[in-house]
Amino acid sequence: LKWKGAEGYAKAPRKIWRIKDEIAGCTKSYDNLAFALVRNAGNYAMLDQPEWILDIVEKFLYHAEI
């Protein structure tokens, strides 16, 4: 990825993402780039893990810490 923050993103740690004490997946972010991996979800993650997807979408929309 050619981006001025690529080096910082590469060094950013992955964080465990939890919902109600259950591991939903992991996240990684730096500057204005964020990534979320949803545990036990396939191509249709909203069908596989609807509660978790709603949580992460709300965080993206409201610029909450991921």
Foldseek 3Di string as FASTA:
>chain_A
DDDPCVVVQVPWDKAFDDDPNHGQFIKGDDDPDIDTDGPQADPPRCVRPVVVVVVVVVCNVVVNDD
